[in-house]
């Protein structure tokens, strides 16, 4: 596992939260893309998500999905499903994975690496999903403590 230090920034993101089983991480992607199309929203980057552990639930995570867009928009729904925020991670451990990914294993591997290197990281892991010519690339970012600016 190659680990480096990096960061990322997206200035305008439509957000969506849900708690689900780890293996269902991909389910909201298609819906978010459809919502962007139906509301004439210009997507400016890859959909990505963050995940945090849920107390007492080993197989569940709290997911927050981010759809980078060109400007702040209001989406009218019957429920308050969507939020809006900018995300800037200045300093994080970054791992790129090109294989079939197990999110739980990756979260544990990064946490173990951080512990071995005496890094203090947040319990939140960001996953940027890139589809490059039908090859899937995952970039994982584990922010260092006190480095998240939202």
N, C-alpha and C. Protein backbone atom coordinates (compact mmCIF):
# COMPACT_ATOMS: atom_id res chain seq x y z
N UNK A 1 0.86 -1.18 0.00
CA UNK A 1 0.00 0.00 0.00
C UNK A 1 0.90 1.24 0.00
N UNK A 2 0.83 2.01 -1.06
CA UNK A 2 1.60 3.24 -1.15
C UNK A 2 0.80 4.38 -0.52
N UNK A 3 1.38 5.03 0.47
CA UNK A 3 0.72 6.12 1.17
C UNK A 3 1.50 7.40 0.94
N UNK A 4 0.80 8.46 0.63
CA UNK A 4 1.43 9.77 0.49
C UNK A 4 0.59 10.79 1.24
N UNK A 5 1.11 12.01 1.35
CA UNK A 5 0.35 13.08 1.98
C UNK A 5 -0.12 14.02 0.89
N UNK A 6 -1.41 14.34 0.92
CA UNK A 6 -2.01 15.20 -0.10
C UNK A 6 -3.29 15.81 0.45
N UNK A 7 -3.95 16.59 -0.37
CA UNK A 7 -5.22 17.19 -0.01
C UNK A 7 -6.07 17.38 -1.25
N UNK A 8 -7.26 17.93 -1.06
CA UNK A 8 -8.13 18.24 -2.20
C UNK A 8 -9.11 19.32 -1.79
N UNK A 9 -9.76 19.91 -2.79
CA UNK A 9 -10.73 20.98 -2.53
C UNK A 9 -11.79 20.99 -3.61
N UNK A 10 -13.05 21.10 -3.18
CA UNK A 10 -14.19 21.31 -4.08
C UNK A 10 -15.01 22.44 -3.47
N UNK A 11 -15.21 23.52 -4.23
CA UNK A 11 -15.82 24.73 -3.68
C UNK A 11 -17.34 24.71 -3.60
N UNK A 12 -18.01 23.99 -4.46
CA UNK A 12 -19.48 23.95 -4.46
C UNK A 12 -19.91 22.50 -4.59
N UNK A 13 -20.56 21.98 -3.55
CA UNK A 13 -21.01 20.59 -3.58
C UNK A 13 -22.43 20.47 -3.06
N UNK A 14 -23.23 19.75 -3.81
CA UNK A 14 -24.53 19.32 -3.34
C UNK A 14 -24.26 18.08 -2.48
N UNK A 15 -24.86 18.00 -1.29
CA UNK A 15 -24.56 16.88 -0.41
C UNK A 15 -25.83 16.07 -0.09
N UNK A 16 -25.60 14.82 0.23
CA UNK A 16 -26.67 13.90 0.57
C UNK A 16 -26.13 12.93 1.61
N UNK A 17 -26.85 12.75 2.73
CA UNK A 17 -26.42 11.86 3.82
C UNK A 17 -27.32 10.64 3.92
N UNK A 18 -26.71 9.51 4.29
CA UNK A 18 -27.47 8.31 4.59
C UNK A 18 -26.61 7.35 5.40
N UNK A 19 -27.25 6.52 6.18
CA UNK A 19 -26.57 5.45 6.90
C UNK A 19 -26.99 4.14 6.25
N UNK A 20 -25.99 3.33 5.91
CA UNK A 20 -26.30 2.10 5.17
C UNK A 20 -25.20 1.08 5.42
N UNK A 21 -25.43 -0.13 4.91
CA UNK A 21 -24.40 -1.16 4.97
C UNK A 21 -23.22 -0.73 4.11
N UNK A 22 -22.04 -1.12 4.51
CA UNK A 22 -20.82 -0.72 3.80
C UNK A 22 -20.89 -1.11 2.32
N UNK A 23 -21.39 -2.31 2.04
CA UNK A 23 -21.40 -2.79 0.65
C UNK A 23 -22.38 -2.03 -0.24
N UNK A 24 -23.22 -1.18 0.33
CA UNK A 24 -24.17 -0.39 -0.47
C UNK A 24 -23.66 1.02 -0.76
N UNK A 25 -22.37 1.25 -0.62
CA UNK A 25 -21.80 2.59 -0.77
C UNK A 25 -22.10 3.23 -2.12
N UNK A 26 -22.24 2.45 -3.17
CA UNK A 26 -22.37 2.96 -4.53
C UNK A 26 -23.80 3.32 -4.93
N UNK A 27 -24.80 2.93 -4.15
CA UNK A 27 -26.20 3.07 -4.56
C UNK A 27 -26.62 4.51 -4.91
N UNK A 28 -26.24 5.54 -4.17
CA UNK A 28 -26.71 6.90 -4.50
C UNK A 28 -26.06 7.54 -5.72
N UNK A 29 -25.00 6.97 -6.27
CA UNK A 29 -24.28 7.62 -7.36
C UNK A 29 -25.18 7.93 -8.56
N UNK A 30 -25.90 6.93 -9.04
CA UNK A 30 -26.75 7.12 -10.22
C UNK A 30 -27.85 8.13 -9.94
N UNK A 31 -28.44 8.07 -8.75
CA UNK A 31 -29.50 9.03 -8.40
C UNK A 31 -28.98 10.46 -8.38
N UNK A 32 -27.79 10.66 -7.83
CA UNK A 32 -27.22 12.01 -7.79
C UNK A 32 -26.96 12.54 -9.21
N UNK A 33 -26.47 11.69 -10.08
CA UNK A 33 -26.24 12.11 -11.46
C UNK A 33 -27.56 12.45 -12.16
N UNK A 34 -28.62 11.67 -11.90
CA UNK A 34 -29.94 11.96 -12.48
C UNK A 34 -30.48 13.29 -11.96
N UNK A 35 -30.33 13.53 -10.67
CA UNK A 35 -30.81 14.79 -10.08
C UNK A 35 -30.09 15.98 -10.71
N UNK A 36 -28.81 15.84 -10.94
CA UNK A 36 -28.06 16.92 -11.60
C UNK A 36 -28.62 17.18 -13.00
N UNK A 37 -28.86 16.13 -13.75
CA UNK A 37 -29.40 16.28 -15.11
C UNK A 37 -30.81 16.89 -15.11
N UNK A 38 -31.68 16.39 -14.23
CA UNK A 38 -33.07 16.85 -14.19
C UNK A 38 -33.18 18.30 -13.74
N UNK A 39 -32.23 18.79 -12.99
CA UNK A 39 -32.28 20.16 -12.48
C UNK A 39 -31.33 21.10 -13.20
N UNK A 40 -30.81 20.67 -14.36
CA UNK A 40 -29.88 21.49 -15.15
C UNK A 40 -28.70 21.98 -14.32
N UNK A 41 -28.15 21.09 -13.53
CA UNK A 41 -26.98 21.40 -12.70
C UNK A 41 -25.75 20.90 -13.43
N UNK A 42 -24.74 21.75 -13.53
CA UNK A 42 -23.51 21.38 -14.20
C UNK A 42 -22.55 20.74 -13.21
N UNK A 43 -22.28 19.45 -13.39
CA UNK A 43 -21.36 18.72 -12.51
C UNK A 43 -19.93 19.06 -12.92
N UNK A 44 -19.10 19.47 -11.95
CA UNK A 44 -17.74 19.92 -12.26
C UNK A 44 -16.64 18.98 -11.79
N UNK A 45 -17.00 17.86 -11.18
CA UNK A 45 -15.99 16.93 -10.70
C UNK A 45 -16.63 15.60 -10.37
N UNK A 46 -15.81 14.65 -9.94
CA UNK A 46 -16.35 13.32 -9.63
C UNK A 46 -17.18 13.34 -8.35
N UNK A 47 -18.22 12.52 -8.32
CA UNK A 47 -18.96 12.32 -7.08
C UNK A 47 -18.01 11.63 -6.11
N UNK A 48 -18.02 12.08 -4.88
CA UNK A 48 -17.21 11.43 -3.86
C UNK A 48 -18.02 11.33 -2.58
N UNK A 49 -17.49 10.62 -1.62
CA UNK A 49 -18.22 10.46 -0.36
C UNK A 49 -17.26 10.37 0.80
N UNK A 50 -17.80 10.64 1.97
CA UNK A 50 -17.06 10.39 3.20
C UNK A 50 -17.82 9.31 3.96
N UNK A 51 -17.10 8.62 4.80
CA UNK A 51 -17.76 7.61 5.62
C UNK A 51 -17.16 7.61 7.02
N UNK A 52 -18.05 7.41 7.98
CA UNK A 52 -17.67 7.34 9.39
C UNK A 52 -18.31 6.09 9.98
N UNK A 53 -17.66 5.57 10.99
CA UNK A 53 -18.22 4.41 11.68
C UNK A 53 -19.48 4.82 12.43
N UNK A 54 -20.41 3.86 12.54
CA UNK A 54 -21.63 4.05 13.31
C UNK A 54 -21.44 3.29 14.61
N UNK A 55 -21.63 3.96 15.73
CA UNK A 55 -21.42 3.33 17.04
C UNK A 55 -22.21 2.03 17.17
N UNK A 56 -21.51 0.96 17.52
CA UNK A 56 -22.15 -0.32 17.77
C UNK A 56 -22.56 -1.09 16.53
N UNK A 57 -22.24 -0.58 15.35
CA UNK A 57 -22.66 -1.24 14.10
C UNK A 57 -21.44 -1.46 13.21
N UNK A 58 -20.83 -2.61 13.29
CA UNK A 58 -19.60 -2.89 12.53
C UNK A 58 -19.82 -2.86 11.02
N UNK A 59 -20.98 -3.28 10.54
CA UNK A 59 -21.21 -3.39 9.10
C UNK A 59 -21.90 -2.18 8.48
N UNK A 60 -22.16 -1.15 9.27
CA UNK A 60 -22.82 0.06 8.78
C UNK A 60 -21.88 1.25 8.88
N UNK A 61 -22.09 2.20 7.98
CA UNK A 61 -21.35 3.45 8.02
C UNK A 61 -22.30 4.61 7.75
N UNK A 62 -21.94 5.76 8.26
CA UNK A 62 -22.65 6.99 7.92
C UNK A 62 -21.93 7.57 6.70
N UNK A 63 -22.66 7.65 5.60
CA UNK A 63 -22.10 8.14 4.34
C UNK A 63 -22.60 9.56 4.08
N UNK A 64 -21.72 10.36 3.53
CA UNK A 64 -22.11 11.68 3.04
C UNK A 64 -21.55 11.79 1.63
N UNK A 65 -22.46 11.99 0.68
CA UNK A 65 -22.09 12.04 -0.73
C UNK A 65 -21.98 13.50 -1.17
N UNK A 66 -21.03 13.77 -2.03
CA UNK A 66 -20.76 15.12 -2.52
C UNK A 66 -20.79 15.11 -4.05
N UNK A 67 -21.58 16.01 -4.61
CA UNK A 67 -21.65 16.18 -6.05
C UNK A 67 -21.11 17.57 -6.36
N UNK A 68 -19.87 17.67 -6.86
CA UNK A 68 -19.30 18.99 -7.18
C UNK A 68 -20.08 19.64 -8.33
N UNK A 69 -20.45 20.90 -8.12
CA UNK A 69 -21.23 21.64 -9.11
C UNK A 69 -20.60 23.01 -9.33
N UNK A 70 -21.07 23.73 -10.35
CA UNK A 70 -20.43 24.99 -10.70
C UNK A 70 -20.84 26.18 -9.84
N UNK A 71 -22.02 26.12 -9.20
CA UNK A 71 -22.46 27.22 -8.35
C UNK A 71 -23.51 26.71 -7.37
N UNK A 72 -23.75 27.47 -6.33
CA UNK A 72 -24.74 27.06 -5.32
C UNK A 72 -26.13 27.05 -5.94
N UNK A 73 -26.88 25.98 -5.65
CA UNK A 73 -28.25 25.84 -6.16
C UNK A 73 -29.15 25.36 -5.03
N UNK A 74 -30.42 25.61 -5.21
CA UNK A 74 -31.44 25.10 -4.27
C UNK A 74 -32.23 24.03 -5.01
N UNK A 75 -32.36 22.86 -4.39
CA UNK A 75 -33.14 21.77 -4.97
C UNK A 75 -34.38 21.63 -4.10
N UNK A 76 -35.54 21.70 -4.73
CA UNK A 76 -36.78 21.59 -3.98
C UNK A 76 -37.24 20.14 -3.98
N UNK A 77 -37.37 19.59 -2.77
CA UNK A 77 -37.88 18.23 -2.60
C UNK A 77 -38.88 18.26 -1.45
N UNK A 78 -39.64 17.18 -1.35
CA UNK A 78 -40.62 17.10 -0.26
C UNK A 78 -39.94 17.02 1.10
N UNK A 79 -38.77 16.43 1.11
CA UNK A 79 -38.00 16.32 2.35
C UNK A 79 -36.71 17.11 2.18
N UNK A 80 -36.09 17.43 3.29
CA UNK A 80 -34.83 18.15 3.24
C UNK A 80 -33.71 17.14 3.01
N UNK A 81 -33.61 16.64 1.77
CA UNK A 81 -32.65 15.58 1.46
C UNK A 81 -31.25 16.09 1.19
N UNK A 82 -31.15 17.30 0.66
CA UNK A 82 -29.87 17.77 0.16
C UNK A 82 -29.36 18.96 0.93
N UNK A 83 -28.05 19.02 1.03
CA UNK A 83 -27.39 20.16 1.63
C UNK A 83 -26.43 20.74 0.61
N UNK A 84 -25.68 21.72 1.07
CA UNK A 84 -24.70 22.37 0.22
C UNK A 84 -23.50 22.73 1.08
N UNK A 85 -22.32 22.46 0.59
CA UNK A 85 -21.11 22.88 1.29
C UNK A 85 -19.90 22.80 0.38
N UNK A 86 -18.85 23.45 0.82
CA UNK A 86 -17.54 23.34 0.17
C UNK A 86 -16.67 22.47 1.06
N UNK A 87 -15.75 21.75 0.44
CA UNK A 87 -14.88 20.86 1.19
C UNK A 87 -13.43 21.16 0.82
N UNK A 88 -12.62 21.34 1.85
CA UNK A 88 -11.19 21.56 1.64
C UNK A 88 -10.44 20.73 2.67
N UNK A 89 -9.66 19.79 2.19
CA UNK A 89 -8.80 18.97 3.04
C UNK A 89 -7.37 19.35 2.67
N UNK A 90 -6.69 20.04 3.57
CA UNK A 90 -5.33 20.48 3.28
C UNK A 90 -4.31 19.37 3.44
N UNK A 91 -4.42 18.61 4.52
CA UNK A 91 -3.41 17.60 4.84
C UNK A 91 -4.09 16.29 5.21
N UNK A 92 -3.75 15.25 4.46
CA UNK A 92 -4.36 13.94 4.70
C UNK A 92 -3.40 12.85 4.23
N UNK A 93 -3.62 11.66 4.73
CA UNK A 93 -2.97 10.49 4.16
C UNK A 93 -3.78 10.10 2.94
N UNK A 94 -3.10 9.84 1.84
CA UNK A 94 -3.79 9.49 0.59
C UNK A 94 -3.31 8.13 0.11
N UNK A 95 -4.28 7.30 -0.27
CA UNK A 95 -3.98 5.99 -0.84
C UNK A 95 -4.79 5.87 -2.12
N UNK A 96 -4.14 5.43 -3.20
CA UNK A 96 -4.84 5.17 -4.46
C UNK A 96 -4.95 3.67 -4.62
N UNK A 97 -6.14 3.21 -5.00
CA UNK A 97 -6.38 1.78 -5.17
C UNK A 97 -7.03 1.53 -6.53
N UNK A 98 -6.48 0.58 -7.26
CA UNK A 98 -7.00 0.25 -8.59
C UNK A 98 -7.71 -1.10 -8.61
N UNK A 99 -7.72 -1.79 -7.50
CA UNK A 99 -8.30 -3.13 -7.43
C UNK A 99 -9.74 -3.06 -6.94
N UNK A 100 -10.35 -4.24 -6.88
CA UNK A 100 -11.66 -4.33 -6.24
C UNK A 100 -11.47 -3.95 -4.78
N UNK A 101 -12.27 -3.02 -4.33
CA UNK A 101 -12.00 -2.43 -3.03
C UNK A 101 -12.97 -2.92 -1.96
N UNK A 102 -12.42 -3.17 -0.80
CA UNK A 102 -13.22 -3.45 0.38
C UNK A 102 -13.05 -2.23 1.28
N UNK A 103 -14.10 -1.43 1.41
CA UNK A 103 -13.99 -0.16 2.15
C UNK A 103 -13.62 -0.36 3.60
N UNK A 104 -14.15 -1.39 4.21
CA UNK A 104 -13.85 -1.64 5.62
C UNK A 104 -12.37 -1.98 5.79
N UNK A 105 -11.83 -2.82 4.91
CA UNK A 105 -10.41 -3.17 4.98
C UNK A 105 -9.53 -1.94 4.74
N UNK A 106 -9.92 -1.10 3.78
CA UNK A 106 -9.13 0.09 3.49
C UNK A 106 -9.13 1.05 4.68
N UNK A 107 -10.30 1.24 5.29
CA UNK A 107 -10.39 2.13 6.46
C UNK A 107 -9.49 1.61 7.59
N UNK A 108 -9.51 0.31 7.81
CA UNK A 108 -8.68 -0.28 8.86
C UNK A 108 -7.19 -0.21 8.51
N UNK A 109 -6.84 -0.43 7.24
CA UNK A 109 -5.44 -0.38 6.82
C UNK A 109 -4.85 1.02 6.99
N UNK A 110 -5.62 2.03 6.61
CA UNK A 110 -5.14 3.41 6.76
C UNK A 110 -5.00 3.77 8.24
N UNK A 111 -5.97 3.36 9.04
CA UNK A 111 -5.90 3.63 10.48
C UNK A 111 -4.69 2.94 11.11
N UNK A 112 -4.41 1.72 10.71
CA UNK A 112 -3.24 0.99 11.23
C UNK A 112 -1.94 1.67 10.79
N UNK A 113 -1.88 2.08 9.53
CA UNK A 113 -0.69 2.78 9.05
C UNK A 113 -0.47 4.07 9.84
N UNK A 114 -1.53 4.84 10.04
CA UNK A 114 -1.42 6.09 10.78
C UNK A 114 -0.91 5.84 12.20
N UNK A 115 -1.42 4.80 12.82
CA UNK A 115 -1.00 4.47 14.19
C UNK A 115 0.48 4.09 14.22
N UNK A 116 0.92 3.28 13.25
CA UNK A 116 2.33 2.87 13.17
C UNK A 116 3.25 4.07 12.97
N UNK A 117 2.77 5.07 12.23
CA UNK A 117 3.59 6.26 11.91
C UNK A 117 3.38 7.40 12.92
N UNK A 118 2.58 7.15 13.95
CA UNK A 118 2.25 8.16 14.97
C UNK A 118 1.56 9.39 14.40
N UNK A 119 0.67 9.17 13.42
CA UNK A 119 -0.16 10.25 12.88
C UNK A 119 -1.52 10.18 13.56
N UNK A 120 -2.08 11.32 13.87
CA UNK A 120 -3.45 11.37 14.38
C UNK A 120 -4.35 11.76 13.24
N UNK A 121 -5.27 10.84 12.89
CA UNK A 121 -6.19 11.11 11.79
C UNK A 121 -7.62 11.13 12.30
N UNK A 122 -8.48 11.77 11.53
CA UNK A 122 -9.91 11.79 11.83
C UNK A 122 -10.49 10.40 11.61
N UNK A 123 -11.67 10.16 12.16
CA UNK A 123 -12.34 8.88 11.96
C UNK A 123 -13.15 8.86 10.67
N UNK A 124 -13.06 9.94 9.92
CA UNK A 124 -13.79 10.07 8.66
C UNK A 124 -12.83 9.81 7.50
N UNK A 125 -13.25 8.99 6.56
CA UNK A 125 -12.46 8.67 5.39
C UNK A 125 -13.19 9.20 4.16
N UNK A 126 -12.49 9.94 3.30
CA UNK A 126 -13.06 10.44 2.06
C UNK A 126 -12.64 9.52 0.92
N UNK A 127 -13.58 9.19 0.05
CA UNK A 127 -13.35 8.30 -1.08
C UNK A 127 -13.76 9.01 -2.36
N UNK A 128 -12.79 9.27 -3.21
CA UNK A 128 -13.07 9.88 -4.51
C UNK A 128 -13.01 8.78 -5.55
N UNK A 129 -14.12 8.61 -6.22
CA UNK A 129 -14.32 7.52 -7.18
C UNK A 129 -14.12 8.09 -8.58
N UNK A 130 -13.11 7.59 -9.29
CA UNK A 130 -12.82 8.08 -10.63
C UNK A 130 -13.05 6.96 -11.64
N UNK A 131 -13.80 7.27 -12.68
CA UNK A 131 -14.02 6.32 -13.76
C UNK A 131 -13.23 6.85 -14.96
N UNK A 132 -12.09 6.24 -15.23
CA UNK A 132 -11.20 6.72 -16.28
C UNK A 132 -11.15 5.66 -17.38
N UNK A 133 -11.81 5.94 -18.48
CA UNK A 133 -11.86 5.02 -19.62
C UNK A 133 -12.26 3.61 -19.17
N UNK A 134 -13.31 3.54 -18.37
CA UNK A 134 -13.87 2.29 -17.85
C UNK A 134 -12.97 1.55 -16.87
N UNK A 135 -11.91 2.21 -16.41
CA UNK A 135 -11.12 1.68 -15.30
C UNK A 135 -11.52 2.47 -14.06
N UNK A 136 -11.67 1.77 -12.96
CA UNK A 136 -12.10 2.41 -11.72
C UNK A 136 -10.87 2.69 -10.84
N UNK A 137 -10.78 3.91 -10.38
CA UNK A 137 -9.70 4.32 -9.48
C UNK A 137 -10.34 4.92 -8.24
N UNK A 138 -9.87 4.50 -7.08
CA UNK A 138 -10.31 5.07 -5.81
C UNK A 138 -9.16 5.82 -5.19
N UNK A 139 -9.40 7.07 -4.84
CA UNK A 139 -8.46 7.83 -4.03
C UNK A 139 -9.07 7.98 -2.65
N UNK A 140 -8.36 7.52 -1.64
CA UNK A 140 -8.82 7.60 -0.26
C UNK A 140 -8.01 8.64 0.47
N UNK A 141 -8.71 9.48 1.22
CA UNK A 141 -8.06 10.53 2.01
C UNK A 141 -8.51 10.39 3.47
N UNK A 142 -7.53 10.27 4.36
CA UNK A 142 -7.79 10.24 5.79
C UNK A 142 -7.19 11.53 6.37
N UNK A 143 -8.03 12.53 6.64
CA UNK A 143 -7.51 13.84 7.10
C UNK A 143 -6.82 13.74 8.45
N UNK A 144 -5.73 14.51 8.56
CA UNK A 144 -5.10 14.64 9.86
C UNK A 144 -6.02 15.42 10.78
N UNK A 145 -5.96 15.16 12.06
CA UNK A 145 -6.80 15.86 13.04
C UNK A 145 -6.61 17.36 12.91
N UNK A 146 -7.71 18.09 13.09
CA UNK A 146 -7.74 19.54 13.10
C UNK A 146 -7.33 20.16 11.78
N UNK A 147 -7.49 19.42 10.68
CA UNK A 147 -7.12 19.95 9.37
C UNK A 147 -8.31 20.09 8.43
N UNK A 148 -9.53 19.80 8.90
CA UNK A 148 -10.69 19.85 8.01
C UNK A 148 -11.25 21.26 8.03
N UNK A 149 -11.39 21.86 6.86
CA UNK A 149 -12.00 23.19 6.72
C UNK A 149 -13.23 23.06 5.85
N UNK A 150 -14.39 23.29 6.44
CA UNK A 150 -15.64 23.19 5.66
C UNK A 150 -16.34 24.52 5.71
